[in-house]
Amino acid sequence: MRAPTIAAGLLFIAQVATSGAAHAQSANATQSYCPNPAHATPQKTPPDLTSALAKAFQIDEAAIRDASYVRCVGPNLMGCAVGANLDCFKADTRRSLPGATAWCRDNPSSTMIPMAATGHDTVYEWSCKGGRAVAGKAVMTVDPQGYIADNWKEIR
C-alpha cells in the first residue's frame, strides 16, 4: 500500500522540479540573449525563448514558433508576435506612400485609405484630399529604435 503513495510523491516532486527547471531555463535563456549587439534587430524567436514569449503575449506556443521575433534593447529582451495588423519591423514614418497615392488616384474622394494600400507599418491615419494622399495624425507611437512601440513587450 505504501509503494503507490511513495511513487505518487516522487512523481509530484519530479513534476515540480521539471516545472522549476523549465522556468529557470527560460529565465537563463532570456538573460543570455541580451545584451548582444547582433540581436538589436528582430530575429526569429529561438526555441529556448518560445515559452517566455507565449507567456508574455498569453498565446499558444505554436503561434509564437511560427510568427514571432525578439530583439535586444540594451540588456532588455523585447518580443513581438505578428498578428493581423501587427508588424514587428521598423515603422514607416514616410508622409508619402506609393500605395496610398495609387489608392487616391483610383478613389479620389475616399475619406480613409485602408492598410491594404498603406501597409501595416505606417504610423499615420491616411485620407484622400483632392485626389491626393494625405498623411493625417500619427496613430502609433514609435520607440527610440524605430519600431511600433505597442507591438513589442519586454520578455522576462
Protein backbone atom coordinates (compact mmCIF):
# COMPACT_ATOMS: atom_id res chain seq x y z
CA MET A 1 0.00 0.00 0.00
CA ARG A 2 2.89 2.42 0.67
CA ALA A 3 4.51 1.93 -2.75
CA PRO A 4 1.84 3.86 -4.69
CA THR A 5 1.95 6.70 -2.16
CA ILE A 6 5.73 6.96 -2.42
CA ALA A 7 5.57 6.71 -6.23
CA ALA A 8 2.90 9.41 -6.36
CA GLY A 9 5.02 11.62 -4.11
CA LEU A 10 8.09 11.09 -6.27
CA LEU A 11 6.08 11.89 -9.41
CA PHE A 12 4.85 15.13 -7.81
CA ILE A 13 8.42 16.09 -6.84
CA ALA A 14 9.63 15.32 -10.38
CA GLN A 15 6.86 17.48 -11.87
CA VAL A 16 7.67 20.40 -9.57
CA ALA A 17 11.39 20.06 -10.29
CA THR A 18 10.75 19.94 -14.04
CA SER A 19 8.46 22.97 -13.87
CA GLY A 20 11.02 24.93 -11.85
CA ALA A 21 13.81 23.84 -14.16
CA ALA A 22 11.81 24.94 -17.22
CA HIS A 23 11.20 28.36 -15.63
CA ALA A 24 14.87 28.71 -14.69
CA GLN A 25 15.92 27.58 -18.17
CA SER A 26 13.60 30.20 -19.74
CA ALA A 27 14.96 32.92 -17.43
CA ASN A 28 18.56 31.93 -18.23
CA ALA A 29 17.83 31.93 -21.96
CA THR A 30 16.30 35.40 -21.68
CA GLN A 31 19.31 36.74 -19.76
CA SER A 32 21.90 35.14 -22.04
CA TYR A 33 20.30 36.50 -25.22
CA CYS A 34 20.82 40.16 -24.25
CA PRO A 35 22.80 42.32 -24.36
CA ASN A 36 24.27 41.35 -27.70
CA PRO A 37 24.67 44.00 -30.42
CA ALA A 38 23.94 41.34 -33.06
CA HIS A 39 20.45 40.97 -31.55
CA ALA A 40 19.45 44.64 -31.81
CA THR A 41 17.32 43.92 -34.89
CA PRO A 42 14.39 41.50 -34.96
CA GLN A 43 15.36 37.84 -35.19
CA LYS A 44 13.05 34.80 -35.38
CA THR A 45 12.35 33.64 -31.83
CA PRO A 46 14.86 30.96 -30.79
CA PRO A 47 13.25 27.73 -29.47
CA ASP A 48 14.52 28.33 -25.93
CA LEU A 49 12.61 31.66 -25.77
CA THR A 50 9.31 30.42 -27.24
CA SER A 51 7.76 29.64 -23.85
CA ALA A 52 8.64 33.05 -22.38
CA LEU A 53 7.13 34.87 -25.40
CA ALA A 54 3.98 32.74 -25.34
CA LYS A 55 3.52 33.59 -21.67
CA ALA A 56 4.10 37.33 -22.20
CA PHE A 57 1.60 37.51 -25.07
CA GLN A 58 -0.78 34.95 -23.49
CA ILE A 59 -0.98 32.94 -26.70
CA ASP A 60 -0.23 29.38 -27.74
CA GLU A 61 3.42 28.37 -28.18
CA ALA A 62 2.67 27.09 -31.71
CA ALA A 63 1.64 30.61 -32.75
CA ILE A 64 4.85 32.03 -31.26
CA ARG A 65 7.01 29.48 -33.09
CA ASP A 66 5.53 30.39 -36.44
CA ALA A 67 5.31 34.17 -36.24
CA SER A 68 7.31 35.99 -33.60
CA TYR A 69 10.51 37.94 -33.23
CA VAL A 70 12.85 39.03 -30.48
CA ARG A 71 15.40 41.82 -30.24
CA CYS A 72 17.55 43.39 -27.56
CA VAL A 73 17.24 46.94 -26.34
CA GLY A 74 20.37 47.14 -24.21
CA PRO A 75 20.05 44.38 -21.59
CA ASN A 76 16.28 44.01 -22.13
CA LEU A 77 14.79 41.29 -24.31
CA MET A 78 11.81 42.51 -26.32
CA GLY A 79 9.33 40.27 -28.14
CA CYS A 80 6.75 40.79 -30.87
CA ALA A 81 4.06 38.40 -32.09
CA VAL A 82 2.87 39.01 -35.65
CA GLY A 83 -0.88 39.46 -35.96
CA ALA A 84 -3.43 40.66 -38.49
CA ASN A 85 -2.34 44.29 -38.12
CA LEU A 86 0.80 43.82 -36.02
CA ASP A 87 4.13 44.45 -37.69
CA CYS A 88 7.43 43.58 -35.99
CA PHE A 89 9.81 45.57 -38.16
CA LYS A 90 10.66 49.27 -38.43
CA ALA A 91 7.73 51.67 -38.50
CA ASP A 92 7.07 53.50 -41.76
CA THR A 93 7.13 57.21 -40.93
CA ARG A 94 7.09 58.44 -44.55
CA ARG A 95 4.46 61.03 -45.34
CA SER A 96 4.22 59.89 -48.94
CA LEU A 97 3.41 56.29 -49.80
CA PRO A 98 3.11 54.83 -53.31
CA GLY A 99 0.20 52.57 -52.25
CA ALA A 100 -1.71 55.50 -50.76
CA THR A 101 -1.07 57.59 -53.87
CA ALA A 102 -2.40 54.80 -56.10
CA TRP A 103 -5.47 54.37 -53.85
CA CYS A 104 -6.34 58.08 -54.13
CA ARG A 105 -5.83 58.03 -57.89
CA ASP A 106 -8.47 55.25 -58.07
CA ASN A 107 -10.65 56.56 -55.18
CA PRO A 108 -10.17 60.37 -55.19
CA SER A 109 -12.94 61.17 -52.70
CA SER A 110 -12.06 58.45 -50.17
CA THR A 111 -12.10 59.72 -46.59
CA MET A 112 -9.78 56.91 -45.49
CA ILE A 113 -7.13 54.75 -47.08
CA PRO A 114 -7.06 51.11 -45.94
CA MET A 115 -3.93 49.45 -44.59
CA ALA A 116 -4.02 47.16 -47.61
CA ALA A 117 -2.92 50.24 -49.57
CA THR A 118 -0.70 51.98 -46.99
CA GLY A 119 0.91 48.95 -45.38
CA HIS A 120 0.50 47.83 -41.78
CA ASP A 121 3.67 49.57 -40.65
CA THR A 122 2.58 53.15 -41.31
CA VAL A 123 2.15 55.32 -38.23
CA TYR A 124 -0.31 57.76 -39.81
CA GLU A 125 -4.01 57.91 -40.49
CA TRP A 126 -4.44 58.41 -44.26
CA SER A 127 -7.12 60.05 -46.43
CA CYS A 128 -7.56 61.45 -49.93
CA LYS A 129 -7.95 65.18 -50.44
CA GLY A 130 -8.39 66.47 -53.96
CA GLY A 131 -7.30 63.07 -55.30
CA ARG A 132 -4.04 63.27 -53.34
CA ALA A 133 -2.96 61.01 -50.44
CA VAL A 134 -2.54 62.94 -47.21
CA ALA A 135 -0.94 61.69 -44.02
CA GLY A 136 -3.04 62.75 -41.04
CA LYS A 137 -2.35 62.43 -37.35
CA ALA A 138 0.04 59.83 -36.01
CA VAL A 139 -1.94 56.88 -34.61
CA MET A 140 1.04 54.81 -33.48
CA THR A 141 3.97 55.59 -31.21
CA VAL A 142 7.46 54.78 -32.42
CA ASP A 143 10.05 53.65 -29.88
CA PRO A 144 13.62 55.11 -29.87
CA GLN A 145 14.83 52.26 -32.11
CA GLY A 146 12.16 52.99 -34.76
CA TYR A 147 9.66 50.17 -34.08
CA ILE A 148 5.93 50.49 -33.33
CA ALA A 149 6.08 50.60 -29.53
CA ASP A 150 2.76 48.87 -28.79
CA ASN A 151 3.74 45.80 -30.82
CA TRP A 152 6.72 44.98 -28.57
CA LYS A 153 6.73 43.70 -24.98
CA GLU A 154 9.59 43.20 -22.59
CA ILE A 155 10.18 39.48 -22.02
CA ARG A 156 11.32 38.42 -18.56
